[in-house]
Amino acid sequence: MNVSAVDLAGELKLLRRGRGISAPQLAERAGPALRAVCLIAEDDGNAEIRRKVTECVTRWTPALPDDLRTAVLAAFALHDEARDAFYQERVRWLARSLVRDDRTARRRIDEGIERLAEIAVASTSESGPDSHGSPSTRWHTEELRVALALDQPVPEGFEFRRIVADADDIAELDLAMTLTKSANHGESFDDKDLRVEVFHGGMLAERVMESSDRVGLALRLPVPLHRQGRHEIALRFRADLKEPHFVCVPRHPVDFFDLHVRFPVPVPVEVVQLERVFQDDASDEATRGVLLTPDASGEVHVQFRGLAPGFAYGVRWKPADQGLSGSAN
């Protein structure tokens, strides 16, 4: 069965209800995607399903960032300190653990489950991760450079990326770009809002909507890469961005990220550098970072090293009028 991360995430979100994995009606809740990745047989009873799902979640969660791992384990009632019978009580425990409110705790759980589903699908595919269950072991980005010009009629950027193969026969790169929807105006993202062109390094083989605001891009390489092989690509993107931030949220490790942002006149009243924050918090003014001052050309320049998959790195600004945003993955 070809399992999609979106389908699996939906089934996992149903599984967190009530007693989580300890729920007595587990056989009814285990959908086809979950059964496929956990190798659950049709005649498996609740106890056997519980054992298999627990083993899978325990195997997948070490690949998550610490906070997301805690959120997922608490959601499924697998955390030693969060085994309450009711989901809401486990959410409250997580909120206290994160020193955040319940709403933020729920967002962490949602994000953690979605990342977990990606890890699970990758770990069960032929091109998935190694035996440690860590995602993104097929290739990683050695260097990513982005130049973003917000002073154009339509915001425009160039992305230069050098990737390194961590396995043999890397023929395609799974990339993505997210256009954050405007929470203030209820605007939705349409596939036509993003234009991507390859300047060199491959051909776009597929473009799909992975979620309501994220576009998945499959880039086919000219020739397959062997382990330790390097390859450079250049992309141009233009997008009608919705919120005032631009961040990289890598799905594969990134060794170095260099970002130039050129602002229109008048320049923003505030620019903040964001490093290792949750993607949902990138637009939250309560999430603070280093204050940046645009230079005489209206530009800021930031650099990051050792980017961890699932976290956001970039800048947020406060324009005089309604601003713009986006993210690269």
C-alpha atoms as a PDB file:
ATOM      1  CA  MET A   1       0.000   0.000   0.000  1.00  0.00           C
ATOM      2  CA  ASN A   2       1.288   3.455  -0.932  1.00  0.00           C
ATOM      3  CA  VAL A   3       0.808   5.404   2.305  1.00  0.00           C
ATOM      4  CA  SER A   4       0.688   9.203   2.297  1.00  0.00           C
ATOM      5  CA  ALA A   5       1.925  11.207   5.271  1.00  0.00           C
ATOM      6  CA  VAL A   6      -1.275  13.276   5.182  1.00  0.00           C
ATOM      7  CA  ASP A   7      -3.502  10.197   5.520  1.00  0.00           C
ATOM      8  CA  LEU A   8      -1.343   8.724   8.264  1.00  0.00           C
ATOM      9  CA  ALA A   9      -1.302  12.001  10.206  1.00  0.00           C
ATOM     10  CA  GLY A  10      -5.103  12.106  10.070  1.00  0.00           C
ATOM     11  CA  GLU A  11      -5.353   8.593  11.481  1.00  0.00           C
ATOM     12  CA  LEU A  12      -2.802   9.334  14.206  1.00  0.00           C
ATOM     13  CA  LYS A  13      -4.783  12.401  15.258  1.00  0.00           C
ATOM     14  CA  LEU A  14      -7.838  10.189  15.768  1.00  0.00           C
ATOM     15  CA  LEU A  15      -5.725   7.822  17.826  1.00  0.00           C
ATOM     16  CA  ARG A  16      -4.816  10.481  20.410  1.00  0.00           C
ATOM     17  CA  ARG A  17      -8.399  10.864  21.646  1.00  0.00           C
ATOM     18  CA  GLY A  18      -9.518   9.655  25.059  1.00  0.00           C
ATOM     19  CA  ARG A  19      -7.023   7.169  26.484  1.00  0.00           C
ATOM     20  CA  GLY A  20      -4.799   7.377  23.400  1.00  0.00           C
ATOM     21  CA  ILE A  21      -3.074   4.114  22.575  1.00  0.00           C
ATOM     22  CA  SER A  22      -4.594   2.593  25.704  1.00  0.00           C
ATOM     23  CA  ALA A  23      -8.115   3.051  24.285  1.00  0.00           C
ATOM     24  CA  PRO A  24     -10.176  -0.171  24.424  1.00  0.00           C
ATOM     25  CA  GLN A  25     -11.542   0.372  20.875  1.00  0.00           C
ATOM     26  CA  LEU A  26      -8.097   0.490  19.266  1.00  0.00           C
ATOM     27  CA  ALA A  27      -8.987  -1.990  16.515  1.00  0.00           C
ATOM     28  CA  GLU A  28     -11.747   0.346  15.337  1.00  0.00           C
ATOM     29  CA  ARG A  29      -9.469   3.396  15.328  1.00  0.00           C
ATOM     30  CA  ALA A  30      -6.561   1.832  13.459  1.00  0.00           C
ATOM     31  CA  GLY A  31      -7.037   2.944   9.861  1.00  0.00           C
ATOM     32  CA  PRO A  32      -5.478   1.483   6.696  1.00  0.00           C
ATOM     33  CA  ALA A  33      -2.459   3.796   6.671  1.00  0.00           C
ATOM     34  CA  LEU A  34      -1.573   3.005  10.293  1.00  0.00           C
ATOM     35  CA  ARG A  35      -2.109  -0.715   9.704  1.00  0.00           C
ATOM     36  CA  ALA A  36       0.220  -0.576   6.714  1.00  0.00           C
ATOM     37  CA  VAL A  37       3.151   1.187   8.385  1.00  0.00           C
ATOM     38  CA  CYS A  38       2.843  -0.814  11.627  1.00  0.00           C
ATOM     39  CA  LEU A  39       2.261  -4.150   9.836  1.00  0.00           C
ATOM     40  CA  ILE A  40      -1.052  -4.724  11.626  1.00  0.00           C
ATOM     41  CA  ALA A  41      -2.862  -7.839  10.407  1.00  0.00           C
ATOM     42  CA  GLU A  42      -6.616  -8.014   9.883  1.00  0.00           C
ATOM     43  CA  ASP A  43      -7.039 -10.528  12.710  1.00  0.00           C
ATOM     44  CA  ASP A  44      -4.858  -8.671  15.232  1.00  0.00           C
ATOM     45  CA  GLY A  45      -6.737  -7.860  18.412  1.00  0.00           C
ATOM     46  CA  ASN A  46      -6.524  -4.721  20.540  1.00  0.00           C
ATOM     47  CA  ALA A  47      -3.573  -5.966  22.604  1.00  0.00           C
ATOM     48  CA  GLU A  48      -1.483  -6.865  19.557  1.00  0.00           C
ATOM     49  CA  ILE A  49      -2.368  -3.616  17.791  1.00  0.00           C
ATOM     50  CA  ARG A  50      -1.421  -1.688  20.918  1.00  0.00           C
ATOM     51  CA  ARG A  51       1.940  -3.460  21.083  1.00  0.00           C
ATOM     52  CA  LYS A  52       2.732  -2.827  17.415  1.00  0.00           C
ATOM     53  CA  VAL A  53       1.676   0.831  17.452  1.00  0.00           C
ATOM     54  CA  THR A  54       3.597   1.482  20.673  1.00  0.00           C
ATOM     55  CA  GLU A  55       6.723  -0.084  19.179  1.00  0.00           C
ATOM     56  CA  CYS A  56       6.375   2.006  16.012  1.00  0.00           C
ATOM     57  CA  VAL A  57       5.825   5.307  17.805  1.00  0.00           C
ATOM     58  CA  THR A  58       8.707   4.550  20.163  1.00  0.00           C
ATOM     59  CA  ARG A  59      10.929   3.822  17.162  1.00  0.00           C
ATOM     60  CA  TRP A  60       9.925   6.951  15.225  1.00  0.00           C
ATOM     61  CA  THR A  61       9.865   9.618  17.951  1.00  0.00           C
ATOM     62  CA  PRO A  62      13.653   9.829  18.593  1.00  0.00           C
ATOM     63  CA  ALA A  63      13.931  11.536  15.190  1.00  0.00           C
ATOM     64  CA  LEU A  64      11.737  14.419  16.411  1.00  0.00           C
ATOM     65  CA  PRO A  65      12.999  17.556  18.180  1.00  0.00           C
ATOM     66  CA  ASP A  66      12.764  17.193  21.954  1.00  0.00           C
ATOM     67  CA  ASP A  67       9.641  19.320  22.394  1.00  0.00           C
ATOM     68  CA  LEU A  68       7.754  17.608  19.591  1.00  0.00           C
ATOM     69  CA  ARG A  69       8.766  14.188  20.878  1.00  0.00           C
ATOM     70  CA  THR A  70       7.364  15.069  24.311  1.00  0.00           C
ATOM     71  CA  ALA A  71       4.174  16.412  22.716  1.00  0.00           C
ATOM     72  CA  VAL A  72       3.586  13.245  20.685  1.00  0.00           C
ATOM     73  CA  LEU A  73       4.262  10.879  23.571  1.00  0.00           C
ATOM     74  CA  ALA A  74       1.938  12.884  25.808  1.00  0.00           C
ATOM     75  CA  ALA A  75      -0.793  12.953  23.162  1.00  0.00           C
ATOM     76  CA  PHE A  76      -0.791   9.155  22.869  1.00  0.00           C
ATOM     77  CA  ALA A  77      -0.512   8.660  26.669  1.00  0.00           C
ATOM     78  CA  LEU A  78       2.936   7.093  26.249  1.00  0.00           C
ATOM     79  CA  HIS A  79       4.805   9.647  28.344  1.00  0.00           C
ATOM     80  CA  ASP A  80       5.525   8.502  31.906  1.00  0.00           C
ATOM     81  CA  GLU A  81       4.225  11.795  33.319  1.00  0.00           C
ATOM     82  CA  ALA A  82       1.199  12.133  31.031  1.00  0.00           C
ATOM     83  CA  ARG A  83      -0.904   8.987  31.238  1.00  0.00           C
ATOM     84  CA  ASP A  84      -4.197  10.650  32.175  1.00  0.00           C
ATOM     85  CA  ALA A  85      -7.312   8.953  30.865  1.00  0.00           C
ATOM     86  CA  PHE A  86      -8.507  12.085  29.089  1.00  0.00           C
ATOM     87  CA  TYR A  87      -6.786  13.833  26.223  1.00  0.00           C
ATOM     88  CA  GLN A  88      -7.548  17.302  27.575  1.00  0.00           C
ATOM     89  CA  GLU A  89      -5.679  16.519  30.783  1.00  0.00           C
ATOM     90  CA  ARG A  90      -2.649  15.414  28.799  1.00  0.00           C
ATOM     91  CA  VAL A  91      -2.823  18.666  26.806  1.00  0.00           C
ATOM     92  CA  ARG A  92      -2.827  20.624  30.059  1.00  0.00           C
ATOM     93  CA  TRP A  93       0.187  18.683  31.321  1.00  0.00           C
ATOM     94  CA  LEU A  94       2.040  19.473  28.094  1.00  0.00           C
ATOM     95  CA  ALA A  95       1.119  23.165  28.345  1.00  0.00           C
ATOM     96  CA  ARG A  96       2.590  23.295  31.850  1.00  0.00           C
ATOM     97  CA  SER A  97       5.701  21.462  30.651  1.00  0.00           C
ATOM     98  CA  LEU A  98       6.180  23.952  27.796  1.00  0.00           C
ATOM     99  CA  VAL A  99       5.193  26.939  29.946  1.00  0.00           C
ATOM    100  CA  ARG A 100       2.633  27.804  27.264  1.00  0.00           C
ATOM    101  CA  ASP A 101      -1.157  27.826  27.015  1.00  0.00           C
ATOM    102  CA  ASP A 102      -3.349  24.895  25.986  1.00  0.00           C
ATOM    103  CA  ARG A 103      -3.788  26.221  22.457  1.00  0.00           C
ATOM    104  CA  THR A 104      -0.026  26.265  21.894  1.00  0.00           C
ATOM    105  CA  ALA A 105       0.257  22.752  23.344  1.00  0.00           C
ATOM    106  CA  ARG A 106      -2.330  21.507  20.840  1.00  0.00           C
ATOM    107  CA  ARG A 107      -0.370  23.110  17.995  1.00  0.00           C
ATOM    108  CA  ARG A 108       2.761  21.338  19.187  1.00  0.00           C
ATOM    109  CA  ILE A 109       0.915  18.032  19.174  1.00  0.00           C
ATOM    110  CA  ASP A 110      -0.441  18.642  15.666  1.00  0.00           C
ATOM    111  CA  GLU A 111       2.993  19.582  14.361  1.00  0.00           C
ATOM    112  CA  GLY A 112       4.602  16.628  16.113  1.00  0.00           C
ATOM    113  CA  ILE A 113       2.096  14.163  14.677  1.00  0.00           C
ATOM    114  CA  GLU A 114       2.519  15.557  11.160  1.00  0.00           C
ATOM    115  CA  ARG A 115       6.318  15.254  11.444  1.00  0.00           C
ATOM    116  CA  LEU A 116       5.934  11.762  12.902  1.00  0.00           C
ATOM    117  CA  ALA A 117       3.817  10.725   9.926  1.00  0.00           C
ATOM    118  CA  GLU A 118       6.523  11.946   7.524  1.00  0.00           C
ATOM    119  CA  ILE A 119       9.133   9.957   9.438  1.00  0.00           C
ATOM    120  CA  ALA A 120       6.940   6.862   9.448  1.00  0.00           C
ATOM    121  CA  VAL A 121       6.264   7.008   5.710  1.00  0.00           C
ATOM    122  CA  ALA A 122       9.952   7.594   4.968  1.00  0.00           C
ATOM    123  CA  SER A 123      11.023   4.728   7.234  1.00  0.00           C
ATOM    124  CA  THR A 124       8.770   2.259   5.437  1.00  0.00           C
ATOM    125  CA  SER A 125       9.661   3.318   1.878  1.00  0.00           C
ATOM    126  CA  GLU A 126      12.513   2.070  -0.249  1.00  0.00           C
ATOM    127  CA  SER A 127      14.063   5.533  -0.245  1.00  0.00           C
ATOM    128  CA  GLY A 128      13.478   6.038   3.460  1.00  0.00           C
ATOM    129  CA  PRO A 129      15.858   6.477   6.378  1.00  0.00           C
ATOM    130  CA  ASP A 130      18.312   4.078   7.900  1.00  0.00           C
ATOM    131  CA  SER A 131      17.642   1.559  10.672  1.00  0.00           C
ATOM    132  CA  HIS A 132      17.784   4.236  13.344  1.00  0.00           C
ATOM    133  CA  GLY A 133      14.498   5.690  12.136  1.00  0.00           C
ATOM    134  CA  SER A 134      15.953   9.136  11.552  1.00  0.00           C
ATOM    135  CA  PRO A 135      14.468  11.022   8.610  1.00  0.00           C
ATOM    136  CA  SER A 136      16.422  12.753   5.934  1.00  0.00           C
ATOM    137  CA  THR A 137      19.374  10.348   5.834  1.00  0.00           C
ATOM    138  CA  ARG A 138      19.330   9.955   2.045  1.00  0.00           C
ATOM    139  CA  TRP A 139      20.716  13.447   1.439  1.00  0.00           C
ATOM    140  CA  HIS A 140      21.243  16.745   3.180  1.00  0.00           C
ATOM    141  CA  THR A 141      21.916  20.371   2.276  1.00  0.00           C
ATOM    142  CA  GLU A 142      25.495  21.469   2.747  1.00  0.00           C
ATOM    143  CA  GLU A 143      24.787  25.098   1.840  1.00  0.00           C
ATOM    144  CA  LEU A 144      21.600  27.053   1.177  1.00  0.00           C
ATOM    145  CA  ARG A 145      21.675  30.681   0.065  1.00  0.00           C
ATOM    146  CA  VAL A 146      18.501  32.695  -0.461  1.00  0.00           C
ATOM    147  CA  ALA A 147      18.202  36.268  -1.733  1.00  0.00           C
ATOM    148  CA  LEU A 148      14.685  37.662  -1.277  1.00  0.00           C
ATOM    149  CA  ALA A 149      13.574  40.982  -2.761  1.00  0.00           C
ATOM    150  CA  LEU A 150      10.378  42.356  -1.231  1.00  0.00           C
ATOM    151  CA  ASP A 151      10.654  45.652  -3.133  1.00  0.00           C
ATOM    152  CA  GLN A 152       9.403  44.061  -6.376  1.00  0.00           C
ATOM    153  CA  PRO A 153       5.789  44.230  -7.656  1.00  0.00           C
ATOM    154  CA  VAL A 154       5.619  40.540  -6.698  1.00  0.00           C
ATOM    155  CA  PRO A 155       8.109  39.370  -4.039  1.00  0.00           C
ATOM    156  CA  GLU A 156      10.879  37.448  -5.753  1.00  0.00           C
ATOM    157  CA  GLY A 157      13.692  35.252  -4.543  1.00  0.00           C
ATOM    158  CA  PHE A 158      16.620  33.166  -5.727  1.00  0.00           C
ATOM    159  CA  GLU A 159      17.649  29.965  -3.986  1.00  0.00           C
ATOM    160  CA  PHE A 160      21.085  28.402  -4.450  1.00  0.00           C
ATOM    161  CA  ARG A 161      21.518  25.007  -2.809  1.00  0.00           C
ATOM    162  CA  ARG A 162      24.369  22.493  -2.629  1.00  0.00           C
ATOM    163  CA  ILE A 163      23.259  19.041  -1.569  1.00  0.00           C
ATOM    164  CA  VAL A 164      25.298  16.018  -0.496  1.00  0.00           C
ATOM    165  CA  ALA A 165      24.168  12.440  -1.083  1.00  0.00           C
ATOM    166  CA  ASP A 166      24.246  10.285   2.051  1.00  0.00           C
ATOM    167  CA  ALA A 167      23.239   7.159   0.108  1.00  0.00           C
ATOM    168  CA  ASP A 168      23.600   5.798  -3.406  1.00  0.00           C
ATOM    169  CA  ASP A 169      21.299   6.427  -6.370  1.00  0.00           C
ATOM    170  CA  ILE A 170      19.805   9.768  -5.330  1.00  0.00           C
ATOM    171  CA  ALA A 171      17.821  10.627  -8.450  1.00  0.00           C
ATOM    172  CA  GLU A 172      15.234  13.042  -7.053  1.00  0.00           C
ATOM    173  CA  LEU A 173      15.044  15.694  -4.329  1.00  0.00           C
ATOM    174  CA  ASP A 174      11.882  16.262  -2.310  1.00  0.00           C
ATOM    175  CA  LEU A 175      11.654  20.011  -1.742  1.00  0.00           C
ATOM    176  CA  ALA A 176       8.782  22.171  -0.514  1.00  0.00           C
ATOM    177  CA  MET A 177       7.725  25.775  -0.071  1.00  0.00           C
ATOM    178  CA  THR A 178       5.138  27.066   2.370  1.00  0.00           C
ATOM    179  CA  LEU A 179       3.102  30.246   1.956  1.00  0.00           C
ATOM    180  CA  THR A 180       1.718  31.024   5.376  1.00  0.00           C
ATOM    181  CA  LYS A 181      -1.962  31.915   5.253  1.00  0.00           C
ATOM    182  CA  SER A 182      -2.981  35.262   6.656  1.00  0.00           C
ATOM    183  CA  ALA A 183      -4.597  34.770  10.040  1.00  0.00           C
ATOM    184  CA  ASN A 184      -5.681  38.397  10.119  1.00  0.00           C
ATOM    185  CA  HIS A 185      -7.589  38.468   6.858  1.00  0.00           C
ATOM    186  CA  GLY A 186      -8.610  34.849   6.464  1.00  0.00           C
ATOM    187  CA  GLU A 187      -6.827  34.667   3.130  1.00  0.00           C
ATOM    188  CA  SER A 188      -6.201  31.241   1.680  1.00  0.00           C
ATOM    189  CA  PHE A 189      -3.291  30.042  -0.411  1.00  0.00           C
ATOM    190  CA  ASP A 190      -3.822  29.027  -3.997  1.00  0.00           C
ATOM    191  CA  ASP A 191      -1.356  26.929  -6.000  1.00  0.00           C
ATOM    192  CA  LYS A 192      -1.149  29.750  -8.549  1.00  0.00           C
ATOM    193  CA  ASP A 193       0.225  32.101  -5.856  1.00  0.00           C
ATOM    194  CA  LEU A 194       3.647  30.472  -6.217  1.00  0.00           C
ATOM    195  CA  ARG A 195       5.785  30.335  -9.369  1.00  0.00           C
ATOM    196  CA  VAL A 196       8.985  28.289  -9.301  1.00  0.00           C
ATOM    197  CA  GLU A 197      11.558  28.068 -12.100  1.00  0.00           C
ATOM    198  CA  VAL A 198      14.704  25.948 -12.196  1.00  0.00           C
ATOM    199  CA  PHE A 199      17.739  27.893 -13.407  1.00  0.00           C
ATOM    200  CA  HIS A 200      20.093  24.938 -13.283  1.00  0.00           C
ATOM    201  CA  GLY A 201      20.572  21.565 -11.659  1.00  0.00           C
ATOM    202  CA  GLY A 202      17.546  19.522 -12.694  1.00  0.00           C
ATOM    203  CA  MET A 203      13.926  19.527 -13.785  1.00  0.00           C
ATOM    204  CA  LEU A 204      10.713  19.845 -11.802  1.00  0.00           C
ATOM    205  CA  ALA A 205       9.139  16.402 -12.108  1.00  0.00           C
ATOM    206  CA  GLU A 206       6.125  16.964  -9.899  1.00  0.00           C
ATOM    207  CA  ARG A 207       4.327  19.713  -8.017  1.00  0.00           C
ATOM    208  CA  VAL A 208       1.635  18.801  -5.495  1.00  0.00           C
ATOM    209  CA  MET A 209      -0.256  20.500  -2.685  1.00  0.00           C
ATOM    210  CA  GLU A 210       0.968  18.695   0.460  1.00  0.00           C
ATOM    211  CA  SER A 211      -1.298  20.757   2.690  1.00  0.00           C
ATOM    212  CA  SER A 212      -3.473  23.855   2.464  1.00  0.00           C
ATOM    213  CA  ASP A 213      -0.388  26.109   2.413  1.00  0.00           C
ATOM    214  CA  ARG A 214       2.562  23.909   1.414  1.00  0.00           C
ATOM    215  CA  VAL A 215       3.610  22.975  -2.115  1.00  0.00           C
ATOM    216  CA  GLY A 216       5.746  19.869  -2.558  1.00  0.00           C
ATOM    217  CA  LEU A 217       8.328  20.015  -5.350  1.00  0.00           C
ATOM    218  CA  ALA A 218      10.044  16.949  -6.788  1.00  0.00           C
ATOM    219  CA  LEU A 219      13.288  17.926  -8.535  1.00  0.00           C
ATOM    220  CA  ARG A 220      14.699  15.249 -10.830  1.00  0.00           C
ATOM    221  CA  LEU A 221      18.500  15.370 -11.066  1.00  0.00           C
ATOM    222  CA  PRO A 222      20.333  15.149 -14.412  1.00  0.00           C
ATOM    223  CA  VAL A 223      22.106  11.971 -13.250  1.00  0.00           C
ATOM    224  CA  PRO A 224      21.734   9.974 -10.004  1.00  0.00           C
ATOM    225  CA  LEU A 225      24.169  10.864  -7.245  1.00  0.00           C
ATOM    226  CA  HIS A 226      26.294   8.311  -5.421  1.00  0.00           C
ATOM    227  CA  ARG A 227      27.137   8.494  -1.723  1.00  0.00           C
ATOM    228  CA  GLN A 228      29.175  11.621  -0.861  1.00  0.00           C
ATOM    229  CA  GLY A 229      28.418  13.095  -4.273  1.00  0.00           C
ATOM    230  CA  ARG A 230      27.617  16.822  -4.395  1.00  0.00           C
ATOM    231  CA  HIS A 231      25.206  18.684  -6.645  1.00  0.00           C
ATOM    232  CA  GLU A 232      24.169  22.336  -6.948  1.00  0.00           C
ATOM    233  CA  ILE A 233      20.775  23.683  -7.941  1.00  0.00           C
ATOM    234  CA  ALA A 234      19.396  27.183  -8.493  1.00  0.00           C
ATOM    235  CA  LEU A 235      15.730  28.126  -8.261  1.00  0.00           C
ATOM    236  CA  ARG A 236      13.824  31.335  -8.815  1.00  0.00           C
ATOM    237  CA  PHE A 237      10.507  31.795  -7.018  1.00  0.00           C
ATOM    238  CA  ARG A 238       7.869  34.510  -7.082  1.00  0.00           C
ATOM    239  CA  ALA A 239       4.994  34.501  -4.645  1.00  0.00           C
ATOM    240  CA  ASP A 240       2.139  36.602  -3.353  1.00  0.00           C
ATOM    241  CA  LEU A 241       3.181  36.226   0.269  1.00  0.00           C
ATOM    242  CA  LYS A 242       0.718  36.710   3.110  1.00  0.00           C
ATOM    243  CA  GLU A 243       2.474  37.293   6.453  1.00  0.00           C
ATOM    244  CA  PRO A 244       5.535  39.329   7.521  1.00  0.00           C
ATOM    245  CA  HIS A 245       8.164  36.607   7.909  1.00  0.00           C
ATOM    246  CA  PHE A 246      10.409  34.415   5.811  1.00  0.00           C
ATOM    247  CA  VAL A 247      11.898  31.282   7.327  1.00  0.00           C
ATOM    248  CA  CYS A 248      13.568  28.042   6.323  1.00  0.00           C
ATOM    249  CA  VAL A 249      11.897  25.006   7.913  1.00  0.00           C
ATOM    250  CA  PRO A 250      14.072  22.151   6.635  1.00  0.00           C
ATOM    251  CA  ARG A 251      12.745  18.628   6.226  1.00  0.00           C
ATOM    252  CA  HIS A 252      16.348  17.487   5.615  1.00  0.00           C
ATOM    253  CA  PRO A 253      19.331  18.693   7.691  1.00  0.00           C
ATOM    254  CA  VAL A 254      20.946  21.939   6.543  1.00  0.00           C
ATOM    255  CA  ASP A 255      24.571  22.660   7.477  1.00  0.00           C
ATOM    256  CA  PHE A 256      24.546  26.354   6.530  1.00  0.00           C
ATOM    257  CA  PHE A 257      21.791  28.829   5.617  1.00  0.00           C
ATOM    258  CA  ASP A 258      22.582  32.337   4.333  1.00  0.00           C
ATOM    259  CA  LEU A 259      19.653  34.753   3.886  1.00  0.00           C
ATOM    260  CA  HIS A 260      19.535  38.242   2.367  1.00  0.00           C
ATOM    261  CA  VAL A 261      16.232  40.138   2.532  1.00  0.00           C
ATOM    262  CA  ARG A 262      15.736  43.457   0.726  1.00  0.00           C
ATOM    263  CA  PHE A 263      12.799  45.511   2.024  1.00  0.00           C
ATOM    264  CA  PRO A 264      10.763  48.174   0.238  1.00  0.00           C
ATOM    265  CA  VAL A 265      10.688  51.798   1.341  1.00  0.00           C
ATOM    266  CA  PRO A 266       9.730  52.616   4.022  1.00  0.00           C
ATOM    267  CA  VAL A 267      11.679  49.855   5.739  1.00  0.00           C
ATOM    268  CA  PRO A 268       9.996  47.876   8.549  1.00  0.00           C
ATOM    269  CA  VAL A 269       9.837  49.451  11.983  1.00  0.00           C
ATOM    270  CA  GLU A 270      11.206  46.203  13.433  1.00  0.00           C
ATOM    271  CA  VAL A 271      13.097  43.183  12.074  1.00  0.00           C
ATOM    272  CA  VAL A 272      13.724  40.140  14.273  1.00  0.00           C
ATOM    273  CA  GLN A 273      16.041  37.218  13.626  1.00  0.00           C
ATOM    274  CA  LEU A 274      14.351  33.880  14.361  1.00  0.00           C
ATOM    275  CA  GLU A 275      16.431  30.818  15.162  1.00  0.00           C
ATOM    276  CA  ARG A 276      15.210  27.313  16.039  1.00  0.00           C
ATOM    277  CA  VAL A 277      11.595  28.318  16.668  1.00  0.00           C
ATOM    278  CA  PHE A 278       8.439  26.398  15.849  1.00  0.00           C
ATOM    279  CA  GLN A 279       7.006  27.275  12.455  1.00  0.00           C
ATOM    280  CA  ASP A 280       3.632  28.237  13.937  1.00  0.00           C
ATOM    281  CA  ASP A 281       5.422  30.692  16.248  1.00  0.00           C
ATOM    282  CA  ALA A 282       7.282  32.493  13.474  1.00  0.00           C
ATOM    283  CA  SER A 283       4.395  34.935  13.045  1.00  0.00           C
ATOM    284  CA  ASP A 284       3.782  35.292  16.804  1.00  0.00           C
ATOM    285  CA  GLU A 285       5.167  38.602  18.099  1.00  0.00           C
ATOM    286  CA  ALA A 286       5.566  36.942  21.502  1.00  0.00           C
ATOM    287  CA  THR A 287       8.360  34.872  19.954  1.00  0.00           C
ATOM    288  CA  ARG A 288      11.388  37.097  20.275  1.00  0.00           C
ATOM    289  CA  GLY A 289      14.834  37.070  18.725  1.00  0.00           C
ATOM    290  CA  VAL A 290      17.801  39.286  17.924  1.00  0.00           C
ATOM    291  CA  LEU A 291      16.759  42.718  16.630  1.00  0.00           C
ATOM    292  CA  LEU A 292      18.191  43.579  13.217  1.00  0.00           C
ATOM    293  CA  THR A 293      18.672  46.987  11.575  1.00  0.00           C
ATOM    294  CA  PRO A 294      18.330  47.237   7.766  1.00  0.00           C
ATOM    295  CA  ASP A 295      21.336  48.851   6.125  1.00  0.00           C
ATOM    296  CA  ALA A 296      21.321  51.891   3.824  1.00  0.00           C
ATOM    297  CA  SER A 297      20.013  49.693   0.991  1.00  0.00           C
ATOM    298  CA  GLY A 298      17.113  48.473   3.094  1.00  0.00           C
ATOM    299  CA  GLU A 299      18.636  45.006   3.510  1.00  0.00           C
ATOM    300  CA  VAL A 300      19.342  42.564   6.319  1.00  0.00           C
ATOM    301  CA  HIS A 301      21.717  39.608   6.156  1.00  0.00           C
ATOM    302  CA  VAL A 302      21.596  36.634   8.552  1.00  0.00           C
ATOM    303  CA  GLN A 303      23.338  33.261   8.689  1.00  0.00           C
ATOM    304  CA  PHE A 304      22.557  30.020  10.499  1.00  0.00           C
ATOM    305  CA  ARG A 305      24.482  26.781  11.007  1.00  0.00           C
ATOM    306  CA  GLY A 306      23.353  23.294  11.902  1.00  0.00           C
ATOM    307  CA  LEU A 307      19.652  23.721  11.112  1.00  0.00           C
ATOM    308  CA  ALA A 308      17.521  20.963  12.643  1.00  0.00           C
ATOM    309  CA  PRO A 309      14.622  19.548  10.606  1.00  0.00           C
ATOM    310  CA  GLY A 310      11.241  20.793  11.754  1.00  0.00           C
ATOM    311  CA  PHE A 311      12.386  24.126  13.230  1.00  0.00           C
ATOM    312  CA  ALA A 312      12.195  27.583  11.634  1.00  0.00           C
ATOM    313  CA  TYR A 313      15.155  29.865  10.894  1.00  0.00           C
ATOM    314  CA  GLY A 314      14.883  33.311   9.288  1.00  0.00           C
ATOM    315  CA  VAL A 315      13.459  36.773   9.929  1.00  0.00           C
ATOM    316  CA  ARG A 316      10.180  38.403  10.896  1.00  0.00           C
ATOM    317  CA  TRP A 317       9.407  42.063  10.399  1.00  0.00           C
ATOM    318  CA  LYS A 318       6.796  44.616  11.379  1.00  0.00           C
ATOM    319  CA  PRO A 319       5.852  46.754   8.347  1.00  0.00           C
ATOM    320  CA  ALA A 320       3.896  49.979   8.430  1.00  0.00           C
ATOM    321  CA  ASP A 321       1.046  48.292   6.549  1.00  0.00           C
ATOM    322  CA  GLN A 322       0.002  44.644   6.074  1.00  0.00           C
ATOM    323  CA  GLY A 323       3.133  42.581   5.492  1.00  0.00           C
ATOM    324  CA  LEU A 324       4.255  39.542   3.572  1.00  0.00           C
ATOM    325  CA  SER A 325       5.740  36.147   4.419  1.00  0.00           C
ATOM    326  CA  GLY A 326       6.750  32.701   3.332  1.00  0.00           C
ATOM    327  CA  SER A 327       9.108  29.834   4.005  1.00  0.00           C
ATOM    328  CA  ALA A 328      11.445  27.438   2.263  1.00  0.00           C
ATOM    329  CA  ASN A 329      11.804  23.805   3.283  1.00  0.00           C
END
